[in-house]
Amino acid sequence: MPLDLFHDSLSLVITTESDYNNARNLANHILKMKLSKCVSLSRIDSIYWWEGSLEEAQEVQITIKTKPELLDHVILTLKKKHTYEIPQIICLRASSSAEYKKWLAQPF
């Protein structure tokens, strides 16, 4: 696929939740608020420092694909609805195919 078909067209927001039910509830809330057209859930193993101790946990990674103009709303929603005291909220600008950009831009 030629590079000219790719555009800076979306923002990716990555967070994690403690279990699948919490992740699914958060994803459904974001989708029902029409802040994203697609949210992906993946089970992962995390290793991290927390309060001076090295911890390991099974978590669910949530990838939210959204329009750049909705990014602030997504972040505010995560801060309000997330179950973690300090949620991971990582935002990335991403490129996609022209077709995916068109789908993302269509009304819900």
N, C-alpha and C. Protein backbone atom coordinates (compact mmCIF):
# COMPACT_ATOMS: atom_id res chain seq x y z
N MET A 1 0.85 -1.17 0.00
CA MET A 1 0.00 0.00 0.00
C MET A 1 0.89 1.24 0.00
N PRO A 2 0.70 2.14 -0.94
CA PRO A 2 1.53 3.34 -1.00
C PRO A 2 1.37 4.20 0.25
N LEU A 3 2.46 4.85 0.64
CA LEU A 3 2.44 5.66 1.85
C LEU A 3 1.48 6.84 1.76
N ASP A 4 1.17 7.31 0.57
CA ASP A 4 0.28 8.47 0.46
C ASP A 4 -1.15 8.14 0.88
N LEU A 5 -1.47 6.88 1.10
CA LEU A 5 -2.80 6.53 1.57
C LEU A 5 -2.90 6.58 3.09
N PHE A 6 -1.80 6.84 3.77
CA PHE A 6 -1.80 6.91 5.23
C PHE A 6 -1.79 8.36 5.69
N HIS A 7 -2.52 8.62 6.73
CA HIS A 7 -2.66 9.99 7.24
C HIS A 7 -2.61 9.95 8.76
N ASP A 8 -2.17 11.05 9.37
CA ASP A 8 -2.35 11.18 10.82
C ASP A 8 -3.84 11.32 11.02
N SER A 9 -4.46 10.24 11.43
CA SER A 9 -5.92 10.24 11.40
C SER A 9 -6.58 9.82 12.69
N LEU A 10 -5.81 9.35 13.65
CA LEU A 10 -6.47 8.92 14.86
C LEU A 10 -5.54 9.02 16.05
N SER A 11 -6.14 8.96 17.21
CA SER A 11 -5.40 8.90 18.45
C SER A 11 -5.65 7.53 19.07
N LEU A 12 -4.61 6.97 19.64
CA LEU A 12 -4.73 5.72 20.39
C LEU A 12 -4.53 6.04 21.86
N VAL A 13 -5.41 5.52 22.68
CA VAL A 13 -5.28 5.68 24.12
C VAL A 13 -5.15 4.27 24.68
N ILE A 14 -4.08 4.05 25.44
CA ILE A 14 -3.82 2.73 26.01
C ILE A 14 -3.91 2.84 27.52
N THR A 15 -4.68 1.93 28.11
CA THR A 15 -4.79 1.85 29.55
C THR A 15 -4.90 0.37 29.92
N THR A 16 -4.87 0.08 31.20
CA THR A 16 -5.06 -1.29 31.67
C THR A 16 -6.10 -1.29 32.77
N GLU A 17 -6.75 -2.42 32.94
CA GLU A 17 -7.68 -2.63 34.04
C GLU A 17 -7.33 -3.93 34.73
N SER A 18 -7.83 -4.09 35.93
CA SER A 18 -7.45 -5.24 36.77
C SER A 18 -8.03 -6.56 36.29
N ASP A 19 -9.17 -6.52 35.62
CA ASP A 19 -9.78 -7.77 35.14
C ASP A 19 -10.66 -7.49 33.92
N TYR A 20 -11.12 -8.58 33.32
CA TYR A 20 -11.86 -8.47 32.07
C TYR A 20 -13.19 -7.73 32.26
N ASN A 21 -13.88 -7.99 33.37
CA ASN A 21 -15.16 -7.32 33.60
C ASN A 21 -15.00 -5.81 33.72
N ASN A 22 -13.99 -5.36 34.48
CA ASN A 22 -13.74 -3.92 34.59
C ASN A 22 -13.37 -3.32 33.24
N ALA A 23 -12.55 -4.03 32.48
CA ALA A 23 -12.14 -3.54 31.16
C ALA A 23 -13.33 -3.46 30.21
N ARG A 24 -14.15 -4.48 30.23
CA ARG A 24 -15.33 -4.51 29.35
C ARG A 24 -16.31 -3.39 29.73
N ASN A 25 -16.52 -3.18 31.03
CA ASN A 25 -17.41 -2.11 31.47
C ASN A 25 -16.89 -0.75 31.03
N LEU A 26 -15.59 -0.53 31.18
CA LEU A 26 -14.99 0.74 30.77
C LEU A 26 -15.11 0.92 29.25
N ALA A 27 -14.82 -0.13 28.51
CA ALA A 27 -14.92 -0.07 27.04
C ALA A 27 -16.35 0.24 26.61
N ASN A 28 -17.32 -0.44 27.20
CA ASN A 28 -18.72 -0.20 26.85
C ASN A 28 -19.14 1.23 27.19
N HIS A 29 -18.68 1.75 28.31
CA HIS A 29 -19.01 3.13 28.69
C HIS A 29 -18.47 4.11 27.64
N ILE A 30 -17.22 3.91 27.24
CA ILE A 30 -16.60 4.80 26.24
C ILE A 30 -17.35 4.71 24.91
N LEU A 31 -17.71 3.51 24.52
CA LEU A 31 -18.44 3.33 23.26
C LEU A 31 -19.84 3.93 23.32
N LYS A 32 -20.54 3.73 24.43
CA LYS A 32 -21.89 4.29 24.57
C LYS A 32 -21.87 5.81 24.60
N MET A 33 -20.79 6.40 25.10
CA MET A 33 -20.65 7.85 25.09
C MET A 33 -20.22 8.37 23.71
N LYS A 34 -19.98 7.45 22.79
CA LYS A 34 -19.56 7.76 21.42
C LYS A 34 -18.24 8.52 21.39
N LEU A 35 -17.31 8.07 22.25
CA LEU A 35 -15.97 8.64 22.27
C LEU A 35 -15.01 7.82 21.43
N SER A 36 -15.46 6.67 20.96
CA SER A 36 -14.65 5.78 20.13
C SER A 36 -15.59 4.91 19.32
N LYS A 37 -15.11 4.50 18.15
CA LYS A 37 -15.87 3.55 17.36
C LYS A 37 -15.38 2.13 17.57
N CYS A 38 -14.19 1.98 18.19
CA CYS A 38 -13.62 0.65 18.38
C CYS A 38 -12.69 0.66 19.59
N VAL A 39 -12.89 -0.31 20.47
CA VAL A 39 -12.04 -0.51 21.63
C VAL A 39 -11.61 -1.97 21.64
N SER A 40 -10.31 -2.22 21.79
CA SER A 40 -9.78 -3.59 21.81
C SER A 40 -9.34 -3.94 23.22
N LEU A 41 -9.58 -5.20 23.59
CA LEU A 41 -9.19 -5.72 24.91
C LEU A 41 -8.24 -6.88 24.71
N SER A 42 -7.14 -6.88 25.47
CA SER A 42 -6.16 -7.97 25.40
C SER A 42 -5.70 -8.32 26.80
N ARG A 43 -5.70 -9.60 27.12
CA ARG A 43 -5.17 -10.03 28.41
C ARG A 43 -3.65 -9.99 28.36
N ILE A 44 -3.04 -9.43 29.41
CA ILE A 44 -1.58 -9.28 29.45
C ILE A 44 -1.05 -9.61 30.83
N ASP A 45 0.26 -9.86 30.91
CA ASP A 45 0.97 -9.99 32.17
C ASP A 45 1.80 -8.72 32.34
N SER A 46 1.65 -8.07 33.49
CA SER A 46 2.38 -6.84 33.77
C SER A 46 3.33 -7.03 34.95
N ILE A 47 4.49 -6.42 34.85
CA ILE A 47 5.48 -6.39 35.93
C ILE A 47 5.82 -4.93 36.14
N TYR A 48 5.69 -4.45 37.38
CA TYR A 48 5.84 -3.03 37.62
C TYR A 48 6.21 -2.75 39.09
N TRP A 49 6.73 -1.54 39.31
CA TRP A 49 7.03 -1.10 40.67
C TRP A 49 5.80 -0.40 41.22
N TRP A 50 5.43 -0.76 42.47
CA TRP A 50 4.33 -0.09 43.14
C TRP A 50 4.66 0.03 44.62
N GLU A 51 4.73 1.26 45.08
CA GLU A 51 5.01 1.56 46.48
C GLU A 51 6.23 0.81 47.02
N GLY A 52 7.32 0.85 46.23
CA GLY A 52 8.59 0.28 46.65
C GLY A 52 8.76 -1.20 46.45
N SER A 53 7.74 -1.87 45.92
CA SER A 53 7.82 -3.32 45.70
C SER A 53 7.63 -3.64 44.22
N LEU A 54 8.33 -4.66 43.78
CA LEU A 54 8.14 -5.16 42.42
C LEU A 54 6.92 -6.07 42.42
N GLU A 55 5.95 -5.75 41.58
CA GLU A 55 4.68 -6.47 41.54
C GLU A 55 4.50 -7.15 40.18
N GLU A 56 3.71 -8.20 40.17
CA GLU A 56 3.29 -8.87 38.94
C GLU A 56 1.79 -9.05 38.99
N ALA A 57 1.13 -8.84 37.85
CA ALA A 57 -0.32 -8.98 37.80
C ALA A 57 -0.77 -9.35 36.40
N GLN A 58 -1.86 -10.06 36.35
CA GLN A 58 -2.54 -10.26 35.08
C GLN A 58 -3.55 -9.13 34.96
N GLU A 59 -3.49 -8.44 33.84
CA GLU A 59 -4.37 -7.30 33.60
C GLU A 59 -4.99 -7.43 32.22
N VAL A 60 -5.86 -6.49 31.91
CA VAL A 60 -6.42 -6.41 30.57
C VAL A 60 -6.03 -5.05 30.00
N GLN A 61 -5.33 -5.08 28.87
CA GLN A 61 -4.95 -3.85 28.19
C GLN A 61 -6.10 -3.39 27.31
N ILE A 62 -6.40 -2.12 27.38
CA ILE A 62 -7.49 -1.53 26.61
C ILE A 62 -6.87 -0.55 25.62
N THR A 63 -7.16 -0.73 24.35
CA THR A 63 -6.70 0.19 23.32
C THR A 63 -7.93 0.86 22.73
N ILE A 64 -7.99 2.18 22.88
CA ILE A 64 -9.12 2.97 22.43
C ILE A 64 -8.70 3.73 21.18
N LYS A 65 -9.39 3.49 20.08
CA LYS A 65 -9.12 4.22 18.84
C LYS A 65 -10.14 5.35 18.74
N THR A 66 -9.66 6.58 18.64
CA THR A 66 -10.57 7.72 18.63
C THR A 66 -10.08 8.82 17.72
N LYS A 67 -10.96 9.75 17.47
CA LYS A 67 -10.59 10.94 16.69
C LYS A 67 -9.80 11.88 17.59
N PRO A 68 -8.82 12.57 17.05
CA PRO A 68 -8.03 13.49 17.87
C PRO A 68 -8.87 14.52 18.62
N GLU A 69 -9.96 14.96 18.03
CA GLU A 69 -10.79 15.97 18.68
C GLU A 69 -11.58 15.42 19.88
N LEU A 70 -11.62 14.10 20.05
CA LEU A 70 -12.30 13.49 21.20
C LEU A 70 -11.33 13.07 22.30
N LEU A 71 -10.04 13.27 22.07
CA LEU A 71 -9.02 12.78 22.99
C LEU A 71 -9.20 13.32 24.41
N ASP A 72 -9.44 14.61 24.58
CA ASP A 72 -9.61 15.18 25.91
C ASP A 72 -10.79 14.53 26.64
N HIS A 73 -11.87 14.29 25.93
CA HIS A 73 -13.06 13.67 26.53
C HIS A 73 -12.77 12.23 26.97
N VAL A 74 -12.00 11.51 26.16
CA VAL A 74 -11.62 10.14 26.51
C VAL A 74 -10.79 10.15 27.80
N ILE A 75 -9.82 11.03 27.87
CA ILE A 75 -8.95 11.10 29.06
C ILE A 75 -9.75 11.46 30.30
N LEU A 76 -10.63 12.44 30.21
CA LEU A 76 -11.46 12.81 31.36
C LEU A 76 -12.36 11.65 31.80
N THR A 77 -12.91 10.93 30.85
CA THR A 77 -13.75 9.78 31.16
C THR A 77 -12.94 8.70 31.86
N LEU A 78 -11.74 8.43 31.38
CA LEU A 78 -10.90 7.43 32.03
C LEU A 78 -10.58 7.84 33.47
N LYS A 79 -10.27 9.09 33.68
CA LYS A 79 -9.95 9.56 35.03
C LYS A 79 -11.14 9.42 35.97
N LYS A 80 -12.36 9.58 35.45
CA LYS A 80 -13.56 9.46 36.29
C LYS A 80 -13.97 8.02 36.52
N LYS A 81 -13.86 7.17 35.51
CA LYS A 81 -14.45 5.84 35.54
C LYS A 81 -13.47 4.71 35.84
N HIS A 82 -12.18 4.98 35.79
CA HIS A 82 -11.18 3.92 35.97
C HIS A 82 -11.17 3.43 37.41
N THR A 83 -10.91 2.13 37.60
CA THR A 83 -10.90 1.57 38.95
C THR A 83 -9.56 1.73 39.66
N TYR A 84 -8.49 2.04 38.92
CA TYR A 84 -7.17 2.19 39.53
C TYR A 84 -7.01 3.56 40.16
N GLU A 85 -6.25 3.61 41.24
CA GLU A 85 -5.92 4.86 41.91
C GLU A 85 -5.13 5.78 40.96
N ILE A 86 -4.16 5.20 40.26
CA ILE A 86 -3.37 5.93 39.28
C ILE A 86 -3.42 5.13 37.97
N PRO A 87 -4.41 5.41 37.13
CA PRO A 87 -4.52 4.64 35.89
C PRO A 87 -3.43 4.99 34.88
N GLN A 88 -3.00 3.99 34.17
CA GLN A 88 -2.11 4.22 33.03
C GLN A 88 -2.95 4.86 31.93
N ILE A 89 -2.55 6.01 31.47
CA ILE A 89 -3.20 6.64 30.32
C ILE A 89 -2.09 7.10 29.39
N ILE A 90 -1.92 6.36 28.31
CA ILE A 90 -0.89 6.66 27.31
C ILE A 90 -1.60 7.03 26.02
N CYS A 91 -1.25 8.18 25.46
CA CYS A 91 -1.88 8.67 24.23
C CYS A 91 -0.84 8.73 23.12
N LEU A 92 -1.22 8.22 21.97
CA LEU A 92 -0.34 8.21 20.80
C LEU A 92 -1.08 8.74 19.59
N ARG A 93 -0.37 9.51 18.78
CA ARG A 93 -0.91 9.86 17.47
C ARG A 93 -0.59 8.71 16.54
N ALA A 94 -1.53 8.35 15.71
CA ALA A 94 -1.32 7.20 14.83
C ALA A 94 -1.78 7.53 13.42
N SER A 95 -1.27 6.75 12.50
CA SER A 95 -1.68 6.82 11.10
C SER A 95 -2.46 5.57 10.76
N SER A 96 -3.35 5.72 9.81
CA SER A 96 -4.15 4.57 9.38
C SER A 96 -4.36 4.64 7.88
N SER A 97 -4.93 3.60 7.37
CA SER A 97 -5.29 3.61 5.95
C SER A 97 -6.38 4.66 5.73
N ALA A 98 -6.49 5.13 4.51
CA ALA A 98 -7.52 6.11 4.17
C ALA A 98 -8.91 5.55 4.44
N GLU A 99 -9.08 4.25 4.20
CA GLU A 99 -10.39 3.63 4.42
C GLU A 99 -10.77 3.62 5.89
N TYR A 100 -9.79 3.30 6.74
CA TYR A 100 -10.06 3.28 8.18
C TYR A 100 -10.34 4.69 8.68
N LYS A 101 -9.60 5.67 8.19
CA LYS A 101 -9.83 7.06 8.58
C LYS A 101 -11.24 7.49 8.19
N LYS A 102 -11.67 7.10 7.01
CA LYS A 102 -13.01 7.44 6.55
C LYS A 102 -14.07 6.80 7.45
N TRP A 103 -13.87 5.54 7.81
CA TRP A 103 -14.82 4.86 8.70
C TRP A 103 -14.87 5.53 10.07
N LEU A 104 -13.72 5.89 10.59
CA LEU A 104 -13.63 6.52 11.90
C LEU A 104 -14.35 7.88 11.89
N ALA A 105 -14.28 8.58 10.78
CA ALA A 105 -14.88 9.91 10.68
C ALA A 105 -16.39 9.89 10.45
N GLN A 106 -16.94 8.75 10.04
CA GLN A 106 -18.37 8.66 9.79
C GLN A 106 -19.16 8.80 11.09
N PRO A 107 -20.36 9.35 10.99
CA PRO A 107 -21.22 9.45 12.18
C PRO A 107 -21.53 8.07 12.76
N PHE A 108 -21.79 8.04 14.04
CA PHE A 108 -22.08 6.77 14.73
C PHE A 108 -23.36 6.18 14.26
